[in-house]
Amino acid sequence: MDINTLRGIATIFAMVAFIGIVIWAYSAYKKKDFDEAAQLPFADDDKDQLTREQKDTRSKENE
């Protein structure tokens, strides 16, 4: 077994790993998890808006 055989085996292993990751990423099984993760940047906006509304309500009550 020479170095070129090892390189070929490594290339095949990398290709199989890449194809496995692509199949895993686009599978319907993980779609719900990825959709939830995609919405995470917007989750803070809702909390910030709620906090602003609460502050506005408190300041109006104090007037």
N, C-alpha and C. Protein backbone atom coordinates (compact mmCIF):
# COMPACT_ATOMS: atom_id res chain seq x y z
N MET A 1 0.85 -1.18 0.00
CA MET A 1 0.00 0.00 0.00
C MET A 1 0.90 1.24 0.00
N ASP A 2 0.80 2.01 -1.05
CA ASP A 2 1.62 3.21 -1.13
C ASP A 2 0.81 4.46 -0.79
N ILE A 3 1.47 5.61 -0.89
CA ILE A 3 0.84 6.87 -0.48
C ILE A 3 -0.35 7.22 -1.37
N ASN A 4 -0.28 6.85 -2.66
CA ASN A 4 -1.39 7.17 -3.56
C ASN A 4 -2.65 6.39 -3.21
N THR A 5 -2.51 5.18 -2.74
CA THR A 5 -3.65 4.39 -2.31
C THR A 5 -4.29 5.04 -1.08
N LEU A 6 -3.48 5.50 -0.15
CA LEU A 6 -3.99 6.17 1.05
C LEU A 6 -4.70 7.47 0.68
N ARG A 7 -4.14 8.20 -0.29
CA ARG A 7 -4.78 9.44 -0.74
C ARG A 7 -6.13 9.14 -1.38
N GLY A 8 -6.21 8.07 -2.15
CA GLY A 8 -7.48 7.68 -2.77
C GLY A 8 -8.52 7.31 -1.74
N ILE A 9 -8.10 6.55 -0.73
CA ILE A 9 -9.01 6.17 0.35
C ILE A 9 -9.47 7.40 1.12
N ALA A 10 -8.57 8.34 1.38
CA ALA A 10 -8.93 9.57 2.09
C ALA A 10 -9.92 10.39 1.27
N THR A 11 -9.70 10.44 -0.05
CA THR A 11 -10.61 11.19 -0.93
C THR A 11 -12.00 10.57 -0.93
N ILE A 12 -12.07 9.26 -1.01
CA ILE A 12 -13.36 8.57 -0.99
C ILE A 12 -14.06 8.78 0.35
N PHE A 13 -13.30 8.69 1.43
CA PHE A 13 -13.87 8.92 2.76
C PHE A 13 -14.43 10.34 2.88
N ALA A 14 -13.68 11.34 2.39
CA ALA A 14 -14.13 12.73 2.46
C ALA A 14 -15.39 12.93 1.62
N MET A 15 -15.44 12.30 0.45
CA MET A 15 -16.61 12.42 -0.41
C MET A 15 -17.84 11.79 0.25
N VAL A 16 -17.68 10.62 0.84
CA VAL A 16 -18.79 9.95 1.52
C VAL A 16 -19.26 10.79 2.71
N ALA A 17 -18.33 11.37 3.45
CA ALA A 17 -18.70 12.22 4.59
C ALA A 17 -19.46 13.45 4.11
N PHE A 18 -19.00 14.06 3.02
CA PHE A 18 -19.68 15.24 2.47
C PHE A 18 -21.09 14.90 2.03
N ILE A 19 -21.25 13.82 1.32
CA ILE A 19 -22.59 13.41 0.86
C ILE A 19 -23.49 13.09 2.05
N GLY A 20 -22.93 12.46 3.08
CA GLY A 20 -23.71 12.18 4.29
C GLY A 20 -24.18 13.44 4.98
N ILE A 21 -23.33 14.44 5.06
CA ILE A 21 -23.71 15.71 5.69
C ILE A 21 -24.78 16.42 4.87
N VAL A 22 -24.65 16.39 3.55
CA VAL A 22 -25.66 17.03 2.69
C VAL A 22 -27.02 16.34 2.86
N ILE A 23 -27.03 15.03 2.88
CA ILE A 23 -28.28 14.28 3.06
C ILE A 23 -28.88 14.59 4.43
N TRP A 24 -28.05 14.64 5.45
CA TRP A 24 -28.52 14.94 6.80
C TRP A 24 -29.10 16.36 6.86
N ALA A 25 -28.42 17.32 6.24
CA ALA A 25 -28.85 18.72 6.32
C ALA A 25 -30.16 18.95 5.58
N TYR A 26 -30.39 18.24 4.50
CA TYR A 26 -31.59 18.46 3.71
C TYR A 26 -32.69 17.45 3.98
N SER A 27 -32.52 16.63 4.99
CA SER A 27 -33.54 15.63 5.29
C SER A 27 -34.75 16.28 5.97
N ALA A 28 -35.91 15.73 5.76
CA ALA A 28 -37.13 16.26 6.36
C ALA A 28 -37.12 16.06 7.88
N TYR A 29 -36.34 15.09 8.35
CA TYR A 29 -36.26 14.80 9.78
C TYR A 29 -35.73 16.00 10.57
N LYS A 30 -34.79 16.76 10.02
CA LYS A 30 -34.18 17.88 10.72
C LYS A 30 -34.80 19.22 10.37
N LYS A 31 -35.78 19.25 9.48
CA LYS A 31 -36.36 20.51 9.01
C LYS A 31 -36.90 21.35 10.16
N LYS A 32 -37.61 20.75 11.09
CA LYS A 32 -38.19 21.51 12.20
C LYS A 32 -37.10 22.17 13.04
N ASP A 33 -36.05 21.43 13.34
CA ASP A 33 -34.95 21.99 14.14
C ASP A 33 -34.27 23.15 13.42
N PHE A 34 -34.05 23.00 12.11
CA PHE A 34 -33.40 24.06 11.36
C PHE A 34 -34.30 25.28 11.22
N ASP A 35 -35.60 25.07 11.09
CA ASP A 35 -36.53 26.20 11.02
C ASP A 35 -36.54 26.98 12.33
N GLU A 36 -36.50 26.28 13.44
CA GLU A 36 -36.43 26.95 14.75
C GLU A 36 -35.13 27.72 14.90
N ALA A 37 -34.03 27.13 14.47
CA ALA A 37 -32.74 27.79 14.56
C ALA A 37 -32.68 29.02 13.66
N ALA A 38 -33.36 28.97 12.53
CA ALA A 38 -33.39 30.11 11.61
C ALA A 38 -34.13 31.29 12.22
N GLN A 39 -35.05 31.05 13.12
CA GLN A 39 -35.83 32.13 13.74
C GLN A 39 -35.18 32.72 14.99
N LEU A 40 -34.09 32.14 15.46
CA LEU A 40 -33.44 32.62 16.68
C LEU A 40 -33.00 34.09 16.62
N PRO A 41 -32.46 34.58 15.52
CA PRO A 41 -32.07 36.00 15.51
C PRO A 41 -33.25 36.95 15.74
N PHE A 42 -34.44 36.52 15.40
CA PHE A 42 -35.61 37.37 15.54
C PHE A 42 -36.27 37.25 16.91
N ALA A 43 -35.86 36.29 17.70
CA ALA A 43 -36.47 36.07 19.02
C ALA A 43 -36.19 37.25 19.95
N ASP A 44 -35.01 37.83 19.87
CA ASP A 44 -34.67 38.97 20.72
C ASP A 44 -35.49 40.19 20.36
N ASP A 45 -35.84 40.34 19.10
CA ASP A 45 -36.65 41.49 18.68
C ASP A 45 -37.99 41.50 19.39
N ASP A 46 -38.60 40.34 19.55
CA ASP A 46 -39.88 40.26 20.24
C ASP A 46 -39.73 40.66 21.70
N LYS A 47 -38.67 40.20 22.33
CA LYS A 47 -38.43 40.54 23.73
C LYS A 47 -38.14 42.03 23.88
N ASP A 48 -37.36 42.59 22.95
CA ASP A 48 -37.06 44.02 23.01
C ASP A 48 -38.33 44.85 22.83
N GLN A 49 -39.18 44.45 21.91
CA GLN A 49 -40.43 45.17 21.68
C GLN A 49 -41.32 45.12 22.92
N LEU A 50 -41.41 43.96 23.54
CA LEU A 50 -42.21 43.81 24.75
C LEU A 50 -41.65 44.69 25.86
N THR A 51 -40.34 44.72 26.02
CA THR A 51 -39.71 45.55 27.05
C THR A 51 -39.99 47.02 26.79
N ARG A 52 -39.89 47.45 25.54
CA ARG A 52 -40.19 48.86 25.22
C ARG A 52 -41.64 49.20 25.52
N GLU A 53 -42.54 48.29 25.20
CA GLU A 53 -43.96 48.55 25.47
C GLU A 53 -44.22 48.63 26.97
N GLN A 54 -43.56 47.79 27.75
CA GLN A 54 -43.73 47.83 29.20
C GLN A 54 -43.19 49.14 29.76
N LYS A 55 -42.05 49.60 29.25
CA LYS A 55 -41.49 50.87 29.73
C LYS A 55 -42.39 52.03 29.36
N ASP A 56 -42.95 52.00 28.15
CA ASP A 56 -43.86 53.06 27.74
C ASP A 56 -45.10 53.09 28.63
N THR A 57 -45.64 51.91 28.96
CA THR A 57 -46.82 51.84 29.81
C THR A 57 -46.51 52.37 31.20
N ARG A 58 -45.34 52.02 31.74
CA ARG A 58 -44.97 52.49 33.08
C ARG A 58 -44.78 53.99 33.09
N SER A 59 -44.14 54.53 32.04
CA SER A 59 -43.92 55.98 32.03
C SER A 59 -45.22 56.74 31.89
N LYS A 60 -46.19 56.19 31.17
CA LYS A 60 -47.49 56.85 31.05
C LYS A 60 -48.26 56.79 32.36
N GLU A 61 -48.09 55.72 33.12
CA GLU A 61 -48.77 55.59 34.41
C GLU A 61 -48.19 56.57 35.42
N ASN A 62 -46.90 56.84 35.32
CA ASN A 62 -46.24 57.74 36.27
C ASN A 62 -46.52 59.21 35.98
N GLU A 63 -47.06 59.51 34.83
CA GLU A 63 -47.31 60.92 34.49
C GLU A 63 -48.57 61.44 35.11
